[in-house]
Protein backbone atom coordinates (compact mmCIF):
# COMPACT_ATOMS: atom_id res chain seq x y z
CA MET A 1 -24.90 -10.36 29.27
CA SER A 2 -21.56 -9.24 30.65
CA SER A 3 -17.91 -10.06 30.14
CA ALA A 4 -18.48 -11.75 26.76
CA ALA A 5 -16.44 -10.74 23.73
CA ASP A 6 -18.17 -9.01 20.81
CA PRO A 7 -19.48 -11.80 18.58
CA ASN A 8 -19.37 -9.53 15.52
CA GLY A 9 -15.58 -9.22 15.55
CA PRO A 10 -13.35 -11.63 13.66
CA LEU A 11 -12.61 -15.01 15.25
CA THR A 12 -9.07 -15.98 16.11
CA ALA A 13 -7.88 -19.57 15.68
CA SER A 14 -8.65 -20.25 19.36
CA GLU A 15 -12.17 -18.77 19.49
CA GLY A 16 -15.67 -19.92 18.67
CA ILE A 17 -19.19 -18.56 19.00
CA VAL A 18 -21.99 -20.10 21.05
CA ILE A 19 -25.67 -19.37 20.65
CA GLY A 20 -28.25 -20.43 23.18
CA SER A 21 -30.92 -19.27 25.57
CA ALA A 22 -31.88 -19.45 29.22
CA LEU A 23 -35.25 -19.35 30.94
CA VAL A 24 -36.35 -19.38 34.59
CA ARG A 25 -39.87 -20.77 34.92
CA ILE A 26 -41.81 -20.24 38.12
CA GLY A 27 -44.18 -22.87 39.49
CA ALA A 28 -43.58 -25.41 36.72
CA THR A 29 -41.99 -27.90 39.09
CA ARG A 30 -43.49 -30.30 41.58
CA ASN A 31 -40.20 -30.23 43.48
CA GLN A 32 -41.16 -27.84 46.22
CA THR A 33 -38.69 -26.85 48.88
CA THR A 34 -38.10 -29.55 51.45
CA ILE A 35 -37.69 -26.92 54.12
CA ARG A 36 -40.81 -26.04 56.09
CA VAL A 37 -41.00 -22.42 57.14
CA ALA A 38 -43.74 -20.06 58.18
CA PRO A 39 -45.42 -18.34 55.20
CA PHE A 40 -44.04 -14.91 56.16
CA PHE A 41 -40.49 -16.23 55.45
CA LEU A 42 -41.43 -17.10 51.86
CA VAL A 43 -40.59 -14.80 48.98
CA PRO A 44 -42.45 -14.97 45.63
CA ALA A 45 -39.93 -16.26 43.08
CA GLN A 46 -41.64 -14.13 40.41
CA ASP A 47 -40.29 -11.01 42.17
CA ILE A 48 -36.65 -12.13 42.00
CA ARG A 49 -34.21 -11.58 39.16
CA PHE A 50 -31.55 -14.22 38.62
CA SER A 51 -27.99 -14.22 37.38
CA LEU A 52 -26.69 -17.26 35.53
CA GLU A 53 -22.91 -17.33 35.99
CA GLY A 54 -20.38 -19.36 34.10
CA GLY A 55 -16.88 -19.65 32.80
CA THR A 56 -14.17 -22.01 31.72
CA TYR A 57 -14.74 -25.56 32.92
CA ARG A 58 -11.75 -27.01 34.70
CA ASP A 59 -11.09 -30.70 35.19
CA THR A 60 -10.01 -32.16 38.53
CA LYS A 61 -6.29 -31.96 37.70
CA ALA A 62 -6.53 -28.24 36.89
CA VAL A 63 -8.44 -27.58 40.13
CA ILE A 64 -5.79 -29.42 42.18
CA GLU A 65 -2.99 -27.46 40.48
CA ASP A 66 -4.69 -24.09 40.91
CA PRO A 67 -7.58 -24.42 43.42
CA ILE A 68 -8.34 -20.73 43.85
CA SER A 69 -9.00 -19.77 40.25
CA LEU A 70 -12.69 -20.51 39.82
CA GLU A 71 -13.29 -17.57 37.56
CA GLN A 72 -16.57 -16.16 36.43
CA ASP A 73 -16.07 -15.31 32.77
CA PHE A 74 -19.62 -14.29 32.00
CA SER A 75 -23.05 -13.84 33.50
CA LEU A 76 -26.54 -13.55 32.10
CA ASP A 77 -29.35 -11.61 33.79
CA VAL A 78 -32.52 -13.68 33.66
CA ALA A 79 -35.98 -12.43 34.64
CA PRO A 80 -38.56 -15.11 35.48
CA GLY A 81 -40.73 -16.03 32.54
CA ARG A 82 -38.56 -14.25 29.97
CA GLU A 83 -36.29 -16.32 27.78
CA ILE A 84 -32.97 -14.60 27.20
CA VAL A 85 -31.08 -15.42 24.01
CA PHE A 86 -27.30 -15.06 24.05
CA VAL A 87 -24.62 -14.96 21.37
CA MET A 88 -21.12 -15.05 22.80
CA LYS A 89 -17.63 -15.25 21.35
CA MET A 90 -15.49 -17.35 23.70
CA ASN A 91 -12.15 -19.11 23.87
CA ALA A 92 -12.32 -22.64 22.50
CA GLY A 93 -12.63 -25.45 25.02
CA ALA A 94 -14.86 -26.64 27.82
CA HIS A 95 -17.10 -24.09 29.50
CA GLY A 96 -20.07 -24.24 31.82
CA PHE A 97 -22.79 -22.51 33.74
CA PHE A 98 -21.84 -22.92 37.40
CA ARG A 99 -24.36 -20.98 39.47
CA LEU A 100 -27.89 -19.65 39.38
CA VAL A 101 -27.92 -16.69 41.74
CA PRO A 102 -31.14 -15.14 43.07
CA LYS A 103 -30.21 -11.44 43.14
CA GLY A 104 -30.48 -10.00 46.61
CA TYR A 105 -30.30 -13.48 48.11
CA GLU A 106 -26.81 -14.51 47.03
CA GLU A 107 -26.39 -16.81 50.05
CA ALA A 108 -29.03 -19.08 48.43
CA THR A 109 -27.05 -19.53 45.20
CA GLY A 110 -27.77 -22.81 43.45
CA ARG A 111 -24.97 -24.85 41.90
CA VAL A 112 -26.06 -26.00 38.44
CA GLY A 113 -23.07 -27.71 36.77
CA ILE A 114 -24.00 -27.42 33.08
CA ARG A 115 -21.24 -28.05 30.53
CA PHE A 116 -20.82 -27.07 26.91
CA THR A 117 -17.99 -26.94 24.39
CA VAL A 118 -16.80 -24.01 22.31
CA ILE A 119 -15.30 -25.24 19.04
CA PRO A 120 -12.64 -23.03 17.40
CA GLY A 121 -13.76 -21.19 14.26
CA GLN A 122 -17.30 -22.49 14.54
CA VAL A 123 -20.76 -21.22 15.49
CA THR A 124 -22.34 -23.73 17.87
CA TYR A 125 -25.91 -23.84 19.12
CA ILE A 126 -25.86 -25.16 22.70
CA GLY A 127 -29.62 -25.25 23.37
CA ARG A 128 -32.14 -23.68 25.69
CA VAL A 129 -31.61 -24.32 29.38
CA THR A 130 -34.71 -24.04 31.55
CA PHE A 131 -34.60 -23.72 35.33
CA ASP A 132 -37.86 -24.61 37.05
CA VAL A 133 -38.23 -23.17 40.54
CA PRO A 134 -41.15 -23.25 43.02
CA GLU A 135 -43.50 -20.27 43.29
CA GLN A 136 -42.38 -19.44 46.84
CA LEU A 137 -38.80 -19.64 48.12
CA PRO A 138 -37.62 -19.49 51.76
CA LEU A 139 -35.35 -16.51 51.22
CA SER A 140 -36.62 -13.96 53.73
CA LYS A 141 -33.98 -11.76 55.34
CA GLY A 142 -35.24 -13.06 58.71
CA LEU A 143 -33.80 -16.53 58.08
CA PRO A 144 -30.20 -17.44 58.99
CA LYS A 145 -27.58 -17.08 56.23
CA GLY A 146 -27.01 -20.35 54.39
CA PHE A 147 -30.38 -21.70 55.55
CA TYR A 148 -31.47 -22.52 52.00
CA SER A 149 -29.83 -23.02 48.62
CA LEU A 150 -31.71 -22.94 45.35
CA ARG A 151 -32.20 -26.35 43.70
CA PRO A 152 -33.88 -25.78 40.35
CA VAL A 153 -35.01 -28.59 38.09
CA ILE A 154 -32.83 -28.24 34.98
CA GLN A 155 -33.85 -29.14 31.46
CA VAL A 156 -32.02 -28.61 28.16
CA ASP A 157 -34.07 -28.47 24.94
CA ASP A 158 -33.29 -28.01 21.28
CA ALA A 159 -35.06 -24.78 20.25
CA LEU A 160 -32.74 -23.95 17.37
CA ALA A 161 -35.34 -22.61 14.93
CA ALA A 162 -36.86 -20.17 17.42
CA THR A 163 -33.45 -19.05 18.70
CA ILE A 164 -32.07 -18.41 15.21
CA ALA A 165 -35.25 -16.53 14.25
CA SER A 166 -34.81 -14.26 17.28
CA ILE A 167 -31.23 -13.28 16.39
CA LEU A 168 -31.64 -12.75 12.63
CA ALA A 169 -32.01 -8.97 12.94
CA THR A 170 -28.96 -8.48 15.17
CA HIS A 171 -26.65 -11.40 14.36
CA GLY A 172 -28.05 -12.78 11.09
CA HIS A 173 -24.61 -13.38 9.63
CA LEU A 174 -24.03 -15.96 12.39
CA ALA A 175 -27.26 -17.84 11.70
CA ARG A 176 -25.71 -20.23 9.15
CA PRO A 177 -23.91 -22.57 9.29
CA VAL A 178 -24.61 -23.52 12.88
CA VAL A 179 -23.61 -26.82 14.43
CA THR A 180 -25.83 -28.19 17.24
CA ASP A 181 -24.03 -29.51 20.33
CA LEU A 182 -26.42 -29.25 23.29
CA MET A 183 -25.33 -28.44 26.84
CA HIS A 184 -25.01 -31.27 29.35
CA PRO A 185 -26.61 -30.75 32.77
């Protein structure tokens, strides 16, 4: 996790804490790539690390007023098959995960558009987001840039009990009370 405030510090009136998790599953989708390429252009998805990037969600009016400021406030490093649990202190308001980036193949970044809300003074569980990707991806360096963009199947689940159990040792004081408000893909 990077660029996220220390969740153990005191909350200001305009901050909240979100708890959740992310998982990239390989081969759990029937949605294979629609692009046909020779097998030597395919890269095993299991060998790729991913970065899940997000930040403050901006409505259409804010984008029109300031179109350049799509800012990445945080990113999570996700290895295939390993669920990563996160606890982040953030400014209150609308936030989202914007991109799933296959590291080393940034030109194939997938837009994900997942929203969640940070409520001031509150600990909110936002769920587990799972990205299902095919076993092989057409990401070889021999293909033209922009040839392919990642299109994972996205699912949000409520795994509150398991997530809270996994953070008890490090962030146990945040484990109760927690309000559930799941992400919206």
